[in-house]
Amino acid sequence: MSSSTLLTPWYRLRRFLTEQEWEFAAHERPVMPGSPGSPDHPLRRQIAYALIAVLVGLTGGLGNSLISANTYQLQGALGLDPVEIAWLPTIYVATNASINLLLVKFRQEFGLRPFALIFLGLYAAITFAHLFVLDFSTALIVRAASGMAGAPLSSLCLYYMMQAFPAKWRLKAVVVGIGVPQCATPLARMFSPDLLAMSQWRTLYLFELGLALLSVAAVALLRLPPTVRQKAFEPLDFVTFTLYGSAVALFAAVLGLGRYVWWTNATWIAWALIAAIPMLAAALLIEHHRANPLLNTRWLGSADILRFAVVTIMARIVLSEQTFAAVGLLTVLGQNNDQLGTFFLLLFLASAAGVAASAITLNVEKLAHPVMLAIGLVAVAAWADSYSTSLTRAPQMYLTQMVIAFAGTFFLGPSLLFGMTRALQQGSGHIISFVALFGILNSVGGLAGTAMLGSYQTIREKANSAAITQAVDPTDPIVTQRLQAGSAGLARVVGDPALRSAEGGALLSQTATREANVLAYDDVFRLVAALAAATFLYLLFLLARRRWRERRALA
């Protein structure tokens, strides 16, 4: 190759995007194609890897959290109704949940360097496009694209964090890497009021864009050790992904919007399920008969993996107690993000403590124990929250919600390692199947939890409201006194006695609605406590049965 060729811009770009040659020692080789090598790094470089991992992880986590935490503000700014604004976080999850099915093979075939720079660049470009959103249709398209482009950020956070730890602590690095993005939700609620005060909703996207550009610069500056590449894609992969991705997106749409349009009132929900179930069945049928499947249906259908799926999705459902029920109760009682800065700061600290405690106490021989402990903590905290009243404020929920925030990050790393170790025991080809399963359990499971708890809260609010209304007797002296007190408070501004009396009745009706909502959220807390307790007992039964079988085998 001539010197003039070496200096061409195209060659420089290709050299920047592609990976350098790397001679791996035996202990430095990647665990599987598509994952980085594990060379020994000096302390200074390890610190740099850790900082980049935190930056990329929080960038990815904030991608959807900033929207979910500010739906009311965005709804007003964009002129959307509650159903339309609910589409924005839902469409992000719908495209984000399934794209990892292809990204694993992309890393295997093209390497880590193109994977990191291409998708981070796309994420930054799409975040920039958010600034030009003017209506609902463009907002929906941009959020869908953002979900696909943002999916690789969690993988990059994990890989960079693995380089920051010595080889003997790599499993602890996995726990930290998977936990960092989970800390973004309380951070989003902490920062949102200040960001919105600067320049309304566009400041949210400017902040996200700044993080994305910093991530691009950091990843370009310090690259990951290259991987071992191999031919990975097959034509049937794209057929399976189209069917599987479309089915997951339809399921996500149903779960995300069902409680807003109500399940039995919107005919499109039935049509979505009618289309999604055959497409998912067709994808699984194709994969069942392939020699090199994306989804190993035989392994995914094994008893061990099915139990893992049940426990993980139950954990995601009960952990929705914090994002839906606790925040929802405080919102009903008149508190918003502006007044909850200390509350979310404590949740962030508890989440970070959960990540640290999970990494420190990690025992690969007892990966089910942290999951069981976390779910047990949620059961106790949710039961304590079920005694909330209309006088409850954030300080009364500090302890219980910190416990749930701690549990939410404490269980995630061991849960990931539990499935990953079993996938690696069957061969590296099972990793793609596990990534697909874990992604759908956490992403769609979170939507399922919110849908379930939100629907139950609506049903209980109607029942409680009817019971309270029936108990209000206008001839009761206490009710009459309450109506008169409400009217007296308006005497200076409303001169008509009849109108004052009507306004007093309206104030009493508002109070009754608030009390019905508080009672409904208490019912939700009790439901979460019951589900968490049942999951805890199920895990306890599985552990006891395993020990009994081990003792019987030894005997």
Protein backbone atom coordinates (compact mmCIF):
# COMPACT_ATOMS: atom_id res chain seq x y z
CA MET A 1 0.00 0.00 0.00
CA SER A 2 1.43 3.36 -1.06
CA SER A 3 1.97 6.25 1.33
CA SER A 4 -0.57 8.35 -0.57
CA THR A 5 -3.21 5.68 0.02
CA LEU A 6 -2.44 5.61 3.73
CA LEU A 7 -3.17 9.34 4.01
CA THR A 8 -6.55 9.33 2.28
CA PRO A 9 -9.52 10.40 4.43
CA TRP A 10 -11.32 7.12 3.67
CA TYR A 11 -8.44 5.07 5.02
CA ARG A 12 -8.30 7.21 8.16
CA LEU A 13 -12.04 6.74 8.71
CA ARG A 14 -11.79 2.98 8.17
CA ARG A 15 -8.87 2.75 10.58
CA PHE A 16 -10.82 4.80 13.15
CA LEU A 17 -13.87 2.55 12.89
CA THR A 18 -12.17 -0.82 12.70
CA GLU A 19 -10.35 -2.62 15.47
CA GLN A 20 -6.63 -2.89 15.80
CA GLU A 21 -4.95 -6.27 15.70
CA TRP A 22 -4.48 -7.72 19.15
CA GLU A 23 -2.40 -10.67 20.24
CA PHE A 24 -4.34 -12.32 23.06
CA ALA A 25 -2.66 -14.25 25.83
CA ALA A 26 -4.51 -17.35 27.01
CA HIS A 27 -6.16 -15.57 29.95
CA GLU A 28 -7.01 -12.50 27.86
CA ARG A 29 -9.17 -14.13 25.19
CA PRO A 30 -12.82 -13.10 24.96
CA VAL A 31 -15.34 -15.43 26.56
CA MET A 32 -17.26 -15.53 23.27
CA PRO A 33 -17.16 -13.82 19.87
CA GLY A 34 -18.53 -10.31 20.16
CA SER A 35 -17.35 -9.68 23.72
CA PRO A 36 -14.12 -7.78 24.46
CA GLY A 37 -10.88 -9.39 25.52
CA SER A 38 -9.73 -9.23 29.13
CA PRO A 39 -6.17 -7.85 29.20
CA ASP A 40 -4.59 -6.48 32.36
CA HIS A 41 -4.87 -2.68 32.56
CA PRO A 42 -2.95 -0.17 34.67
CA LEU A 43 -4.92 1.52 37.45
CA ARG A 44 -5.21 4.82 35.57
CA ARG A 45 -6.85 3.14 32.59
CA GLN A 46 -9.16 1.11 34.86
CA ILE A 47 -10.44 4.33 36.42
CA ALA A 48 -11.02 5.79 32.97
CA TYR A 49 -12.96 2.68 31.91
CA ALA A 50 -15.11 2.92 35.05
CA LEU A 51 -15.92 6.60 34.48
CA ILE A 52 -16.87 5.96 30.85
CA ALA A 53 -19.05 3.02 31.93
CA VAL A 54 -20.95 5.23 34.38
CA LEU A 55 -21.33 7.98 31.75
CA VAL A 56 -22.63 5.63 29.06
CA GLY A 57 -24.86 3.73 31.49
CA LEU A 58 -26.53 6.86 32.85
CA THR A 59 -26.91 8.23 29.31
CA GLY A 60 -28.79 5.10 28.30
CA GLY A 61 -30.87 5.00 31.47
CA LEU A 62 -31.89 8.63 31.22
CA GLY A 63 -33.02 8.15 27.63
CA ASN A 64 -36.47 6.95 28.66
CA SER A 65 -36.51 8.05 32.31
CA LEU A 66 -36.55 11.78 31.42
CA ILE A 67 -39.69 11.21 29.35
CA SER A 68 -41.44 8.93 31.84
CA ALA A 69 -40.76 11.36 34.71
CA ASN A 70 -42.19 14.38 32.87
CA THR A 71 -45.20 13.11 30.96
CA TYR A 72 -47.52 15.82 32.34
CA GLN A 73 -45.19 18.64 31.30
CA LEU A 74 -44.61 17.16 27.84
CA GLN A 75 -48.32 16.55 27.42
CA GLY A 76 -49.05 20.24 27.87
CA ALA A 77 -46.08 21.46 25.84
CA LEU A 78 -46.87 19.25 22.83
CA GLY A 79 -50.65 19.57 23.14
CA LEU A 80 -51.26 15.82 23.55
CA ASP A 81 -54.00 13.93 25.37
CA PRO A 82 -53.18 11.27 28.03
CA VAL A 83 -53.36 8.41 25.52
CA GLU A 84 -51.01 10.11 23.06
CA ILE A 85 -48.41 10.99 25.70
CA ALA A 86 -48.51 7.38 26.96
CA TRP A 87 -47.34 6.27 23.51
CA LEU A 88 -43.96 8.00 23.88
CA PRO A 89 -42.44 5.81 26.66
CA THR A 90 -44.32 2.77 25.31
CA ILE A 91 -42.92 3.00 21.77
CA TYR A 92 -39.42 3.42 23.21
CA VAL A 93 -39.75 0.13 25.10
CA ALA A 94 -41.42 -1.57 22.11
CA THR A 95 -38.40 -0.99 19.86
CA ASN A 96 -35.78 -1.28 22.60
CA ALA A 97 -36.87 -4.69 23.92
CA SER A 98 -36.15 -6.78 20.83
CA ILE A 99 -33.29 -5.05 18.99
CA ASN A 100 -30.63 -6.80 21.11
CA LEU A 101 -31.52 -9.97 19.24
CA LEU A 102 -29.59 -8.59 16.24
CA LEU A 103 -27.03 -6.49 18.10
CA VAL A 104 -25.31 -9.56 19.58
CA LYS A 105 -24.66 -10.92 16.08
CA PHE A 106 -23.64 -7.46 14.85
CA ARG A 107 -20.86 -7.41 17.46
CA GLN A 108 -19.83 -10.93 16.52
CA GLU A 109 -19.56 -10.19 12.81
CA PHE A 110 -18.32 -6.58 12.69
CA GLY A 111 -16.59 -6.15 16.05
CA LEU A 112 -16.95 -3.83 19.00
CA ARG A 113 -15.45 -0.67 17.52
CA PRO A 114 -18.03 -0.20 14.73
CA PHE A 115 -20.76 -1.30 17.14
CA ALA A 116 -19.83 1.37 19.69
CA LEU A 117 -19.24 4.31 17.36
CA ILE A 118 -22.07 3.68 14.89
CA PHE A 119 -24.81 3.21 17.45
CA LEU A 120 -23.62 5.93 19.80
CA GLY A 121 -23.47 8.30 16.83
CA LEU A 122 -27.00 7.30 15.81
CA TYR A 123 -28.23 7.83 19.36
CA ALA A 124 -26.74 11.33 19.46
CA ALA A 125 -28.22 12.19 16.04
CA ILE A 126 -31.69 10.97 17.01
CA THR A 127 -31.52 12.84 20.32
CA PHE A 128 -30.67 15.98 18.32
CA ALA A 129 -33.73 15.30 16.15
CA HIS A 130 -35.92 15.49 19.27
CA LEU A 131 -35.33 19.25 19.32
CA PHE A 132 -37.32 19.60 16.09
CA VAL A 133 -40.36 17.60 17.23
CA LEU A 134 -43.49 19.66 16.59
CA ASP A 135 -46.38 17.20 16.61
CA PHE A 136 -47.40 13.75 17.78
CA SER A 137 -46.44 11.79 14.66
CA THR A 138 -42.87 13.09 14.53
CA ALA A 139 -42.49 12.59 18.29
CA LEU A 140 -43.58 8.97 17.90
CA ILE A 141 -41.17 8.27 15.05
CA VAL A 142 -38.23 9.84 16.86
CA ARG A 143 -38.95 7.96 20.11
CA ALA A 144 -39.16 4.65 18.25
CA ALA A 145 -35.81 5.30 16.56
CA SER A 146 -34.34 6.38 19.90
CA GLY A 147 -35.38 3.08 21.48
CA MET A 148 -33.49 1.10 18.85
CA ALA A 149 -30.41 3.34 18.92
CA GLY A 150 -30.29 3.43 22.72
CA ALA A 151 -30.33 -0.34 23.24
CA PRO A 152 -26.55 -0.80 22.78
CA LEU A 153 -25.72 1.65 25.58
CA SER A 154 -26.42 -0.87 28.34
CA SER A 155 -24.09 -3.38 26.66
CA LEU A 156 -21.35 -0.77 26.32
CA CYS A 157 -21.73 0.17 29.99
CA LEU A 158 -21.37 -3.48 30.93
CA TYR A 159 -18.27 -4.03 28.76
CA TYR A 160 -16.51 -0.87 29.91
CA MET A 161 -17.19 -1.70 33.55
CA MET A 162 -15.74 -5.19 33.04
CA GLN A 163 -12.47 -3.60 31.88
CA ALA A 164 -12.36 -1.47 35.04
CA PHE A 165 -12.11 -4.47 37.37
CA PRO A 166 -9.32 -7.05 37.76
CA ALA A 167 -9.93 -10.42 36.15
CA LYS A 168 -10.83 -12.08 39.47
CA TRP A 169 -13.62 -9.52 40.01
CA ARG A 170 -15.16 -9.61 36.52
CA LEU A 171 -18.44 -11.09 37.77
CA LYS A 172 -18.72 -8.25 40.29
CA ALA A 173 -18.14 -5.88 37.37
CA VAL A 174 -21.13 -7.44 35.58
CA VAL A 175 -23.30 -6.71 38.61
CA VAL A 176 -22.14 -3.08 38.75
CA GLY A 177 -22.44 -2.61 34.97
CA ILE A 178 -26.02 -3.87 34.84
CA GLY A 179 -26.97 -1.81 37.91
CA VAL A 180 -25.66 1.61 36.85
CA PRO A 181 -28.45 2.35 34.29
CA GLN A 182 -31.07 1.50 36.94
CA CYS A 183 -29.91 4.48 39.02
CA ALA A 184 -31.01 6.86 36.26
CA THR A 185 -34.73 6.88 37.16
CA PRO A 186 -34.44 8.77 40.48
CA LEU A 187 -31.78 11.02 38.92
CA ALA A 188 -34.18 11.96 36.12
CA ARG A 189 -36.81 13.06 38.63
CA MET A 190 -34.19 14.99 40.65
CA PHE A 191 -32.87 17.01 37.70
CA SER A 192 -36.12 17.49 35.78
CA PRO A 193 -37.52 20.54 37.66
CA ASP A 194 -34.31 22.53 37.15
CA LEU A 195 -34.06 21.51 33.50
CA LEU A 196 -37.68 22.41 32.78
CA ALA A 197 -37.24 25.77 34.49
CA MET A 198 -34.50 26.74 32.04
CA SER A 199 -36.26 26.39 28.70
CA GLN A 200 -39.25 24.09 29.12
CA TRP A 201 -39.26 20.62 27.51
CA ARG A 202 -36.46 21.12 24.96
CA THR A 203 -33.93 21.43 27.79
CA LEU A 204 -34.57 17.77 28.62
CA TYR A 205 -33.39 16.77 25.16
CA LEU A 206 -30.49 19.22 25.21
CA PHE A 207 -29.30 17.60 28.44
CA GLU A 208 -29.67 14.13 26.92
CA LEU A 209 -27.88 15.29 23.76
CA GLY A 210 -24.97 16.63 25.83
CA LEU A 211 -24.61 13.27 27.58
CA ALA A 212 -24.77 11.44 24.25
CA LEU A 213 -22.04 13.61 22.71
CA LEU A 214 -19.84 13.16 25.79
CA SER A 215 -20.33 9.40 25.48
CA VAL A 216 -19.32 9.44 21.81
CA ALA A 217 -16.17 11.41 22.63
CA ALA A 218 -15.25 9.18 25.58
CA VAL A 219 -15.75 5.93 23.65
CA ALA A 220 -13.80 7.29 20.70
CA LEU A 221 -10.96 8.32 23.03
CA LEU A 222 -10.67 5.03 24.94
CA ARG A 223 -11.65 2.00 22.95
CA LEU A 224 -12.49 -1.45 24.24
CA PRO A 225 -10.07 -4.32 23.62
CA PRO A 226 -11.11 -5.91 20.33
CA THR A 227 -13.09 -9.09 20.11
CA VAL A 228 -12.82 -12.27 18.11
CA ARG A 229 -15.00 -11.94 15.03
CA GLN A 230 -16.83 -14.57 13.08
CA LYS A 231 -19.48 -14.90 10.39
CA ALA A 232 -22.73 -14.56 12.32
CA PHE A 233 -25.71 -13.37 10.27
CA GLU A 234 -27.91 -15.75 8.29
CA PRO A 235 -30.85 -14.79 6.04
CA LEU A 236 -33.40 -16.42 8.36
CA ASP A 237 -32.20 -14.20 11.22
CA PHE A 238 -33.96 -11.23 9.67
CA VAL A 239 -37.18 -13.19 9.10
CA THR A 240 -37.20 -14.26 12.74
CA PHE A 241 -36.38 -10.76 13.95
CA THR A 242 -39.16 -9.21 11.88
CA LEU A 243 -41.75 -11.61 13.29
CA TYR A 244 -40.41 -11.56 16.85
CA GLY A 245 -39.81 -7.79 16.97
CA SER A 246 -43.26 -7.02 15.56
CA ALA A 247 -44.92 -9.34 18.08
CA VAL A 248 -43.01 -7.82 21.01
CA ALA A 249 -43.88 -4.30 19.82
CA LEU A 250 -47.58 -5.17 19.65
CA PHE A 251 -47.53 -6.74 23.11
CA ALA A 252 -45.76 -3.65 24.46
CA ALA A 253 -48.38 -1.37 22.86
CA VAL A 254 -51.19 -3.37 24.45
CA LEU A 255 -49.57 -3.32 27.90
CA GLY A 256 -48.56 0.33 27.73
CA LEU A 257 -51.90 1.70 26.48
CA GLY A 258 -54.44 -0.80 27.78
CA ARG A 259 -55.22 0.94 31.05
CA TYR A 260 -55.63 4.32 29.33
CA VAL A 261 -58.05 3.26 26.59
CA TRP A 262 -59.31 0.45 28.88
CA TRP A 263 -58.90 -3.16 27.91
CA THR A 264 -62.43 -3.97 26.80
CA ASN A 265 -63.26 -0.63 25.17
CA ALA A 266 -60.64 -0.44 22.40
CA THR A 267 -61.04 -2.92 19.54
CA TRP A 268 -57.46 -2.36 18.36
CA ILE A 269 -56.21 -4.23 21.46
CA ALA A 270 -57.94 -7.40 20.26
CA TRP A 271 -56.57 -6.98 16.73
CA ALA A 272 -53.06 -6.36 18.08
CA LEU A 273 -53.18 -9.59 20.10
CA ILE A 274 -54.67 -11.50 17.16
CA ALA A 275 -51.68 -10.38 15.04
CA ALA A 276 -48.98 -10.70 17.73
CA ILE A 277 -49.66 -14.26 18.91
CA PRO A 278 -49.38 -15.93 15.45
CA MET A 279 -46.26 -13.89 14.61
CA LEU A 280 -44.55 -14.93 17.84
CA ALA A 281 -45.60 -18.56 17.25
CA ALA A 282 -44.24 -18.42 13.69
CA ALA A 283 -40.91 -16.99 14.89
CA LEU A 284 -40.55 -19.73 17.51
CA LEU A 285 -41.53 -22.41 14.97
CA ILE A 286 -38.86 -21.22 12.53
CA GLU A 287 -36.23 -21.16 15.27
CA HIS A 288 -37.21 -24.58 16.58
CA HIS A 289 -36.13 -26.23 13.32
CA ARG A 290 -32.95 -24.23 12.62
CA ALA A 291 -29.45 -25.60 13.02
CA ASN A 292 -28.10 -22.26 14.38
CA PRO A 293 -31.13 -20.54 15.89
CA LEU A 294 -31.35 -17.03 17.26
CA LEU A 295 -33.80 -18.36 19.85
CA ASN A 296 -33.05 -21.84 21.17
CA THR A 297 -36.60 -22.91 21.92
CA ARG A 298 -35.61 -26.20 23.54
CA TRP A 299 -33.36 -24.46 26.06
CA LEU A 300 -35.83 -21.60 26.64
CA GLY A 301 -38.53 -24.19 27.33
CA SER A 302 -36.50 -26.06 29.93
CA ALA A 303 -37.86 -26.12 33.49
CA ASP A 304 -34.90 -24.19 34.92
CA ILE A 305 -35.28 -21.30 32.48
CA LEU A 306 -39.06 -21.21 32.82
CA ARG A 307 -38.70 -20.88 36.59
CA PHE A 308 -36.15 -18.11 36.05
CA ALA A 309 -38.58 -16.30 33.73
CA VAL A 310 -41.47 -16.55 36.20
CA VAL A 311 -39.41 -15.23 39.12
CA THR A 312 -37.86 -12.38 37.07
CA ILE A 313 -41.16 -11.14 35.66
CA MET A 314 -42.77 -11.29 39.11
CA ALA A 315 -39.86 -9.26 40.47
CA ARG A 316 -40.35 -6.62 37.76
CA ILE A 317 -44.08 -6.46 38.53
CA VAL A 318 -43.67 -5.96 42.28
CA LEU A 319 -40.86 -3.43 41.77
CA SER A 320 -43.32 -1.30 39.78
CA GLU A 321 -44.68 -0.41 43.23
CA GLN A 322 -42.18 2.44 43.41
CA THR A 323 -42.46 3.96 39.94
CA PHE A 324 -46.25 3.70 39.78
CA ALA A 325 -47.85 3.34 43.21
CA ALA A 326 -45.63 5.39 45.54
CA VAL A 327 -45.10 8.26 43.09
CA GLY A 328 -48.75 8.08 42.06
CA LEU A 329 -49.95 8.34 45.66
CA LEU A 330 -47.75 11.36 46.35
CA THR A 331 -49.00 12.99 43.12
CA VAL A 332 -52.64 12.46 44.16
CA LEU A 333 -51.81 14.11 47.49
CA GLY A 334 -50.53 17.20 45.69
CA GLN A 335 -46.77 16.62 45.58
CA ASN A 336 -44.75 16.78 42.35
CA ASN A 337 -41.11 16.55 41.31
CA ASP A 338 -40.43 20.11 42.53
CA GLN A 339 -41.27 19.09 46.10
CA LEU A 340 -39.68 15.63 46.06
CA GLY A 341 -36.00 16.46 45.53
CA THR A 342 -34.90 14.97 48.86
CA PHE A 343 -37.11 11.93 48.28
CA PHE A 344 -35.51 11.09 44.94
CA LEU A 345 -32.02 11.86 46.23
CA LEU A 346 -32.53 9.23 48.93
CA LEU A 347 -33.85 6.77 46.32
CA PHE A 348 -30.76 7.36 44.18
CA LEU A 349 -28.46 6.74 47.15
CA ALA A 350 -30.38 3.58 48.05
CA SER A 351 -30.18 2.35 44.44
CA ALA A 352 -26.42 2.94 44.36
CA ALA A 353 -26.09 1.16 47.71
CA GLY A 354 -28.01 -1.79 46.27
CA VAL A 355 -25.57 -2.06 43.36
CA ALA A 356 -22.56 -1.89 45.70
CA ALA A 357 -24.00 -4.38 48.17
CA SER A 358 -24.91 -6.80 45.39
CA ALA A 359 -21.37 -6.71 44.00
CA ILE A 360 -19.69 -7.04 47.40
CA THR A 361 -21.83 -9.96 48.58
CA LEU A 362 -21.90 -11.79 45.24
CA ASN A 363 -21.63 -15.57 45.54
CA VAL A 364 -21.97 -17.48 42.29
CA GLU A 365 -22.98 -20.59 44.22
CA LYS A 366 -25.96 -18.81 45.78
CA LEU A 367 -27.34 -16.50 43.10
CA ALA A 368 -30.96 -17.17 44.07
CA HIS A 369 -30.49 -15.89 47.62
CA PRO A 370 -30.11 -12.15 46.74
CA VAL A 371 -33.19 -12.37 44.52
CA MET A 372 -35.19 -13.95 47.32
CA LEU A 373 -33.96 -11.36 49.83
CA ALA A 374 -34.84 -8.46 47.51
CA ILE A 375 -38.37 -9.73 46.88
CA GLY A 376 -38.86 -10.31 50.62
CA LEU A 377 -37.82 -6.72 51.33
CA VAL A 378 -40.35 -5.46 48.78
CA ALA A 379 -43.11 -7.48 50.49
CA VAL A 380 -42.36 -5.94 53.90
CA ALA A 381 -42.01 -2.37 52.56
CA ALA A 382 -45.18 -2.57 50.44
CA TRP A 383 -47.18 -3.86 53.41
CA ALA A 384 -45.94 -0.93 55.50
CA ASP A 385 -46.97 1.50 52.73
CA SER A 386 -50.48 0.04 52.68
CA TYR A 387 -51.29 2.02 55.84
CA SER A 388 -50.92 5.36 54.04
CA THR A 389 -53.57 8.03 54.56
CA SER A 390 -54.41 11.40 53.05
CA LEU A 391 -51.98 12.92 55.58
CA THR A 392 -49.06 10.85 54.28
CA ARG A 393 -46.26 12.80 52.67
CA ALA A 394 -42.85 11.90 51.28
CA PRO A 395 -40.99 11.87 54.65
CA GLN A 396 -43.31 9.12 55.90
CA MET A 397 -42.29 6.98 52.91
CA TYR A 398 -38.54 7.63 52.96
CA LEU A 399 -37.61 4.36 54.69
CA THR A 400 -39.94 2.01 52.82
CA GLN A 401 -39.16 3.47 49.40
CA MET A 402 -35.41 3.40 50.08
CA VAL A 403 -35.78 -0.30 50.90
CA ILE A 404 -37.57 -0.90 47.58
CA ALA A 405 -34.99 1.14 45.64
CA PHE A 406 -32.23 -0.90 47.29
CA ALA A 407 -34.01 -4.16 46.42
CA GLY A 408 -34.53 -3.09 42.80
CA THR A 409 -30.79 -2.88 42.09
CA PHE A 410 -29.74 -5.59 44.55
CA PHE A 411 -31.57 -8.36 42.69
CA LEU A 412 -30.79 -7.43 39.08
CA GLY A 413 -27.11 -8.43 38.84
CA PRO A 414 -27.50 -11.89 40.43
CA SER A 415 -30.57 -12.46 38.28
CA LEU A 416 -28.57 -11.68 35.12
CA LEU A 417 -25.69 -13.91 36.20
CA PHE A 418 -28.05 -16.76 37.08
CA GLY A 419 -29.31 -16.95 33.51
CA MET A 420 -26.00 -16.11 31.86
CA THR A 421 -24.07 -18.88 33.66
CA ARG A 422 -26.66 -21.42 32.60
CA ALA A 423 -26.50 -20.15 29.02
CA LEU A 424 -22.70 -20.42 28.94
CA GLN A 425 -22.89 -23.95 30.35
CA GLN A 426 -24.85 -24.93 27.23
CA GLY A 427 -22.50 -23.09 24.85
CA SER A 428 -21.93 -19.54 23.67
CA GLY A 429 -24.72 -19.88 21.10
CA HIS A 430 -27.28 -19.79 23.89
CA ILE A 431 -26.23 -16.26 24.91
CA ILE A 432 -28.38 -14.68 22.18
CA SER A 433 -31.41 -16.61 23.43
CA PHE A 434 -30.75 -15.49 26.98
CA VAL A 435 -30.23 -11.83 25.96
CA ALA A 436 -33.56 -11.89 24.14
CA LEU A 437 -35.29 -13.46 27.14
CA PHE A 438 -33.73 -11.12 29.70
CA GLY A 439 -34.51 -8.06 27.59
CA ILE A 440 -38.17 -8.90 27.16
CA LEU A 441 -38.59 -9.90 30.81
CA ASN A 442 -37.21 -6.59 32.10
CA SER A 443 -38.56 -4.19 29.48
CA VAL A 444 -41.99 -5.67 28.79
CA GLY A 445 -42.20 -6.97 32.37
CA GLY A 446 -41.92 -3.39 33.62
CA LEU A 447 -44.79 -2.38 31.33
CA ALA A 448 -46.80 -5.37 32.51
CA GLY A 449 -46.27 -4.37 36.13
CA THR A 450 -47.45 -0.81 35.54
CA ALA A 451 -50.41 -2.05 33.47
CA MET A 452 -51.46 -4.54 36.14
CA LEU A 453 -51.10 -2.18 39.10
CA GLY A 454 -52.63 0.75 37.19
CA SER A 455 -55.67 -1.28 36.17
CA TYR A 456 -56.15 -2.58 39.70
CA GLN A 457 -55.88 0.94 41.10
CA THR A 458 -58.55 2.19 38.68
CA ILE A 459 -60.92 -0.65 39.60
CA ARG A 460 -60.41 -0.15 43.33
CA GLU A 461 -60.81 3.64 43.02
CA LYS A 462 -64.22 3.19 41.40
CA ALA A 463 -65.29 0.70 44.07
CA ASN A 464 -64.06 2.89 46.93
CA SER A 465 -65.60 5.99 45.41
CA ALA A 466 -68.98 4.26 45.14
CA ALA A 467 -68.75 3.10 48.76
CA ILE A 468 -67.83 6.58 50.01
CA THR A 469 -70.60 8.23 47.98
CA GLN A 470 -73.22 5.84 49.33
CA ALA A 471 -72.08 6.62 52.88
CA VAL A 472 -72.56 10.39 52.39
CA ASP A 473 -76.08 11.23 53.62
CA PRO A 474 -77.07 14.90 53.12
CA THR A 475 -79.31 14.66 56.19
CA ASP A 476 -76.39 13.60 58.39
CA PRO A 477 -75.43 16.55 60.67
CA ILE A 478 -71.71 15.93 60.11
CA VAL A 479 -72.16 16.01 56.31
CA THR A 480 -74.30 19.14 56.58
CA GLN A 481 -71.64 20.81 58.70
CA ARG A 482 -68.95 19.89 56.18
CA LEU A 483 -71.00 21.35 53.32
CA GLN A 484 -71.58 24.55 55.28
CA ALA A 485 -67.87 24.82 56.11
CA GLY A 486 -67.00 24.50 52.43
CA SER A 487 -69.55 27.15 51.48
CA ALA A 488 -68.38 29.52 54.23
CA GLY A 489 -64.86 29.47 52.84
CA LEU A 490 -66.20 30.90 49.57
CA ALA A 491 -68.40 33.59 51.10
CA ARG A 492 -65.98 36.43 50.20
CA VAL A 493 -65.79 35.50 46.52
CA VAL A 494 -69.24 33.99 45.79
CA GLY A 495 -72.25 36.09 46.73
CA ASP A 496 -75.05 33.77 45.56
CA PRO A 497 -76.03 31.40 48.44
CA ALA A 498 -77.19 28.67 46.04
CA LEU A 499 -73.93 28.81 44.10
CA ARG A 500 -71.97 28.75 47.37
CA SER A 501 -73.85 25.64 48.43
CA ALA A 502 -73.11 23.96 45.09
CA GLU A 503 -69.42 24.84 45.38
CA GLY A 504 -69.37 23.39 48.91
CA GLY A 505 -70.77 20.15 47.51
CA ALA A 506 -68.11 20.14 44.79
CA LEU A 507 -65.37 20.54 47.40
CA LEU A 508 -66.77 17.61 49.36
CA SER A 509 -66.88 15.55 46.15
CA GLN A 510 -63.20 16.36 45.47
CA THR A 511 -62.31 15.26 48.98
CA ALA A 512 -64.22 12.01 48.50
CA THR A 513 -62.39 11.35 45.21
CA ARG A 514 -59.03 11.97 46.86
CA GLU A 515 -59.86 9.59 49.71
CA ALA A 516 -61.02 6.95 47.22
CA ASN A 517 -57.71 7.24 45.38
CA VAL A 518 -55.72 6.96 48.61
CA LEU A 519 -57.64 3.82 49.57
CA ALA A 520 -57.09 2.42 46.06
CA TYR A 521 -53.34 2.94 46.32
CA ASP A 522 -53.40 1.21 49.71
CA ASP A 523 -55.09 -1.73 47.98
CA VAL A 524 -52.32 -1.69 45.36
CA PHE A 525 -49.67 -1.78 48.09
CA ARG A 526 -51.39 -4.78 49.65
CA LEU A 527 -51.56 -6.54 46.28
CA VAL A 528 -47.83 -5.93 45.74
CA ALA A 529 -47.07 -7.25 49.21
CA ALA A 530 -49.11 -10.40 48.53
CA LEU A 531 -47.44 -11.02 45.14
CA ALA A 532 -43.96 -10.44 46.58
CA ALA A 533 -44.66 -12.74 49.52
CA ALA A 534 -45.92 -15.47 47.17
CA THR A 535 -42.79 -15.14 45.00
CA PHE A 536 -40.58 -15.25 48.11
CA LEU A 537 -42.28 -18.45 49.30
CA TYR A 538 -41.95 -19.98 45.82
CA LEU A 539 -38.21 -19.31 45.79
CA LEU A 540 -37.92 -20.66 49.32
CA PHE A 541 -39.69 -23.83 48.20
CA LEU A 542 -37.33 -24.23 45.21
CA LEU A 543 -34.24 -23.83 47.41
CA ALA A 544 -35.57 -26.25 50.02
CA ARG A 545 -36.39 -28.81 47.35
CA ARG A 546 -32.92 -28.50 45.80
CA ARG A 547 -31.24 -29.03 49.18
CA TRP A 548 -33.45 -32.02 49.86
CA ARG A 549 -32.50 -33.56 46.51
CA GLU A 550 -28.80 -32.92 47.16
CA ARG A 551 -28.99 -34.62 50.55
CA ARG A 552 -30.88 -37.53 49.05
CA ALA A 553 -28.28 -37.89 46.30
CA LEU A 554 -25.48 -37.90 48.89
CA ALA A 555 -27.30 -40.45 51.01
